[in-house]
Amino acid sequence: MITSFLNFILISLRILIRVAFYTLLERKILRYIQIRKGPNKVGIIGILQPFRDAIKLFNKNLLSLESINFTLSFITPFLSLFISLCIIPLIIYNFSTLIDIKHNLLIFFILSRIGVYFILLIG
């Protein structure tokens, strides 16, 4: 029980850090293609840029109307991330899953469809 939870935490952190640094790599490649300054603005050689982008993403508000629900507007990015993290234990690692559920594929499709609604609620 504890080992599977620890495996889930470690796999989730590795995936999130990989995605952050893949975006940094993408920015560096685009810098060379477009012949411009790259993401060297935050930290040494731009190492902290992915974390700054993540903070900016969660603080970004596209709509500022009086009639929007502010709590729903601020909580939906976190709910979208939570649904994405719930999908990770369903993926097969080393020929077995972290959670042994009978209908893994069905739950994967259900969670991925629910994630669409959170993206729509963001605005």
C-alpha atoms as a PDB file:
ATOM      1  CA  MET A   1       0.000   0.000   0.000  1.00  0.00           C
ATOM      2  CA  ILE A   2       2.661   2.480   1.044  1.00  0.00           C
ATOM      3  CA  THR A   3       5.022   1.396  -1.730  1.00  0.00           C
ATOM      4  CA  SER A   4       2.343   1.834  -4.407  1.00  0.00           C
ATOM      5  CA  PHE A   5       1.527   5.306  -3.065  1.00  0.00           C
ATOM      6  CA  LEU A   6       5.219   6.193  -3.039  1.00  0.00           C
ATOM      7  CA  ASN A   7       5.554   4.875  -6.607  1.00  0.00           C
ATOM      8  CA  PHE A   8       2.591   7.026  -7.648  1.00  0.00           C
ATOM      9  CA  ILE A   9       4.144  10.148  -6.126  1.00  0.00           C
ATOM     10  CA  LEU A  10       7.531   9.479  -7.718  1.00  0.00           C
ATOM     11  CA  ILE A  11       6.077   8.726 -11.161  1.00  0.00           C
ATOM     12  CA  SER A  12       3.835  11.810 -11.027  1.00  0.00           C
ATOM     13  CA  LEU A  13       6.716  14.093 -10.086  1.00  0.00           C
ATOM     14  CA  ARG A  14       8.941  12.638 -12.795  1.00  0.00           C
ATOM     15  CA  ILE A  15       6.261  13.155 -15.434  1.00  0.00           C
ATOM     16  CA  LEU A  16       5.573  16.745 -14.373  1.00  0.00           C
ATOM     17  CA  ILE A  17       9.270  17.642 -14.325  1.00  0.00           C
ATOM     18  CA  ARG A  18       9.832  16.002 -17.717  1.00  0.00           C
ATOM     19  CA  VAL A  19       6.997  17.970 -19.280  1.00  0.00           C
ATOM     20  CA  ALA A  20       8.372  21.195 -17.809  1.00  0.00           C
ATOM     21  CA  PHE A  21      11.813  20.600 -19.248  1.00  0.00           C
ATOM     22  CA  TYR A  22      10.453  19.447 -22.615  1.00  0.00           C
ATOM     23  CA  THR A  23       8.805  22.856 -22.909  1.00  0.00           C
ATOM     24  CA  LEU A  24      12.159  24.443 -22.076  1.00  0.00           C
ATOM     25  CA  LEU A  25      13.788  22.356 -24.810  1.00  0.00           C
ATOM     26  CA  GLU A  26      11.059  23.382 -27.232  1.00  0.00           C
ATOM     27  CA  ARG A  27      11.660  27.054 -26.418  1.00  0.00           C
ATOM     28  CA  LYS A  28      15.401  26.649 -26.979  1.00  0.00           C
ATOM     29  CA  ILE A  29      14.823  24.996 -30.361  1.00  0.00           C
ATOM     30  CA  LEU A  30      12.392  27.741 -31.370  1.00  0.00           C
ATOM     31  CA  ARG A  31      15.011  30.281 -30.351  1.00  0.00           C
ATOM     32  CA  TYR A  32      17.478  28.826 -32.846  1.00  0.00           C
ATOM     33  CA  ILE A  33      14.847  28.573 -35.579  1.00  0.00           C
ATOM     34  CA  GLN A  34      13.605  32.151 -35.173  1.00  0.00           C
ATOM     35  CA  ILE A  35      17.056  33.656 -34.440  1.00  0.00           C
ATOM     36  CA  ARG A  36      16.066  35.505 -31.273  1.00  0.00           C
ATOM     37  CA  LYS A  37      16.857  35.535 -27.572  1.00  0.00           C
ATOM     38  CA  GLY A  38      15.669  32.426 -25.789  1.00  0.00           C
ATOM     39  CA  PRO A  39      14.280  31.657 -22.348  1.00  0.00           C
ATOM     40  CA  ASN A  40      17.371  32.774 -20.458  1.00  0.00           C
ATOM     41  CA  LYS A  41      15.450  35.242 -18.347  1.00  0.00           C
ATOM     42  CA  VAL A  42      14.759  33.225 -15.166  1.00  0.00           C
ATOM     43  CA  GLY A  43      17.536  31.464 -13.302  1.00  0.00           C
ATOM     44  CA  ILE A  44      20.803  30.113 -14.634  1.00  0.00           C
ATOM     45  CA  ILE A  45      20.516  29.219 -18.342  1.00  0.00           C
ATOM     46  CA  GLY A  46      16.729  29.395 -18.040  1.00  0.00           C
ATOM     47  CA  ILE A  47      16.388  26.393 -15.690  1.00  0.00           C
ATOM     48  CA  LEU A  48      13.620  28.041 -13.626  1.00  0.00           C
ATOM     49  CA  GLN A  49      11.626  29.117 -16.711  1.00  0.00           C
ATOM     50  CA  PRO A  50       9.277  26.052 -16.737  1.00  0.00           C
ATOM     51  CA  PHE A  51       8.326  26.666 -13.113  1.00  0.00           C
ATOM     52  CA  ARG A  52       7.691  30.344 -13.849  1.00  0.00           C
ATOM     53  CA  ASP A  53       5.489  29.306 -16.789  1.00  0.00           C
ATOM     54  CA  ALA A  54       3.480  26.981 -14.536  1.00  0.00           C
ATOM     55  CA  ILE A  55       2.901  29.756 -11.976  1.00  0.00           C
ATOM     56  CA  LYS A  56       1.932  32.145 -14.771  1.00  0.00           C
ATOM     57  CA  LEU A  57      -0.514  29.582 -16.165  1.00  0.00           C
ATOM     58  CA  PHE A  58      -2.323  29.213 -12.858  1.00  0.00           C
ATOM     59  CA  ASN A  59      -2.455  32.982 -12.263  1.00  0.00           C
ATOM     60  CA  LYS A  60      -3.592  33.917 -15.749  1.00  0.00           C
ATOM     61  CA  ASN A  61      -7.124  35.268 -16.127  1.00  0.00           C
ATOM     62  CA  LEU A  62      -8.422  35.762 -19.632  1.00  0.00           C
ATOM     63  CA  LEU A  63     -11.823  37.096 -18.647  1.00  0.00           C
ATOM     64  CA  SER A  64     -12.439  39.672 -15.979  1.00  0.00           C
ATOM     65  CA  LEU A  65     -16.183  40.139 -15.971  1.00  0.00           C
ATOM     66  CA  GLU A  66     -18.398  41.021 -13.046  1.00  0.00           C
ATOM     67  CA  SER A  67     -20.699  38.076 -13.656  1.00  0.00           C
ATOM     68  CA  ILE A  68     -18.149  35.226 -13.466  1.00  0.00           C
ATOM     69  CA  ASN A  69     -17.856  32.914 -10.498  1.00  0.00           C
ATOM     70  CA  PHE A  70     -14.383  33.659  -9.120  1.00  0.00           C
ATOM     71  CA  THR A  71     -14.068  30.523  -6.981  1.00  0.00           C
ATOM     72  CA  LEU A  72     -14.993  28.292  -9.901  1.00  0.00           C
ATOM     73  CA  SER A  73     -12.643  30.236 -12.175  1.00  0.00           C
ATOM     74  CA  PHE A  74      -9.698  29.785  -9.805  1.00  0.00           C
ATOM     75  CA  ILE A  75     -10.330  26.161  -8.800  1.00  0.00           C
ATOM     76  CA  THR A  76     -10.859  24.633 -12.273  1.00  0.00           C
ATOM     77  CA  PRO A  77      -7.152  24.603 -13.312  1.00  0.00           C
ATOM     78  CA  PHE A  78      -6.349  22.674 -10.140  1.00  0.00           C
ATOM     79  CA  LEU A  79      -9.216  20.257 -10.769  1.00  0.00           C
ATOM     80  CA  SER A  80      -7.997  19.713 -14.315  1.00  0.00           C
ATOM     81  CA  LEU A  81      -4.515  18.924 -13.011  1.00  0.00           C
ATOM     82  CA  PHE A  82      -6.022  16.603 -10.383  1.00  0.00           C
ATOM     83  CA  ILE A  83      -7.930  14.622 -13.035  1.00  0.00           C
ATOM     84  CA  SER A  84      -4.748  14.333 -15.096  1.00  0.00           C
ATOM     85  CA  LEU A  85      -2.871  13.034 -12.061  1.00  0.00           C
ATOM     86  CA  CYS A  86      -5.651  10.506 -11.374  1.00  0.00           C
ATOM     87  CA  ILE A  87      -5.035   8.957 -14.800  1.00  0.00           C
ATOM     88  CA  ILE A  88      -1.359   8.197 -14.079  1.00  0.00           C
ATOM     89  CA  PRO A  89      -1.913   5.092 -11.871  1.00  0.00           C
ATOM     90  CA  LEU A  90      -4.058   3.546 -14.603  1.00  0.00           C
ATOM     91  CA  ILE A  91      -1.199   3.544 -17.122  1.00  0.00           C
ATOM     92  CA  ILE A  92       0.776   0.302 -17.340  1.00  0.00           C
ATOM     93  CA  TYR A  93       4.294   0.449 -15.871  1.00  0.00           C
ATOM     94  CA  ASN A  94       6.458  -2.684 -16.072  1.00  0.00           C
ATOM     95  CA  PHE A  95       3.531  -4.868 -17.219  1.00  0.00           C
ATOM     96  CA  SER A  96       1.365  -3.970 -14.209  1.00  0.00           C
ATOM     97  CA  THR A  97      -0.576  -0.942 -13.033  1.00  0.00           C
ATOM     98  CA  LEU A  98      -0.194   0.892  -9.751  1.00  0.00           C
ATOM     99  CA  ILE A  99      -3.908   0.447  -9.046  1.00  0.00           C
ATOM    100  CA  ASP A 100      -5.354  -2.972  -9.820  1.00  0.00           C
ATOM    101  CA  ILE A 101      -8.864  -2.211 -11.022  1.00  0.00           C
ATOM    102  CA  LYS A 102     -10.866  -4.547 -13.217  1.00  0.00           C
ATOM    103  CA  HIS A 103     -11.865  -1.895 -15.764  1.00  0.00           C
ATOM    104  CA  ASN A 104      -8.769   0.288 -16.164  1.00  0.00           C
ATOM    105  CA  LEU A 105      -9.469   1.212 -19.777  1.00  0.00           C
ATOM    106  CA  LEU A 106     -13.039   2.276 -19.012  1.00  0.00           C
ATOM    107  CA  ILE A 107     -11.948   4.448 -16.080  1.00  0.00           C
ATOM    108  CA  PHE A 108      -9.202   5.964 -18.246  1.00  0.00           C
ATOM    109  CA  PHE A 109     -11.757   7.040 -20.863  1.00  0.00           C
ATOM    110  CA  ILE A 110     -14.165   8.366 -18.223  1.00  0.00           C
ATOM    111  CA  LEU A 111     -11.482  10.470 -16.507  1.00  0.00           C
ATOM    112  CA  SER A 112     -10.169  11.816 -19.795  1.00  0.00           C
ATOM    113  CA  ARG A 113     -13.702  12.880 -20.801  1.00  0.00           C
ATOM    114  CA  ILE A 114     -14.295  14.565 -17.436  1.00  0.00           C
ATOM    115  CA  GLY A 115     -11.085  16.564 -17.943  1.00  0.00           C
ATOM    116  CA  VAL A 116     -12.679  18.235 -20.975  1.00  0.00           C
ATOM    117  CA  TYR A 117     -15.379  19.776 -18.800  1.00  0.00           C
ATOM    118  CA  PHE A 118     -12.814  21.370 -16.504  1.00  0.00           C
ATOM    119  CA  ILE A 119     -11.056  22.903 -19.498  1.00  0.00           C
ATOM    120  CA  LEU A 120     -14.397  24.332 -20.638  1.00  0.00           C
ATOM    121  CA  LEU A 121     -15.081  25.738 -17.161  1.00  0.00           C
ATOM    122  CA  ILE A 122     -11.764  27.605 -17.115  1.00  0.00           C
ATOM    123  CA  GLY A 123     -13.213  30.050 -19.582  1.00  0.00           C
END
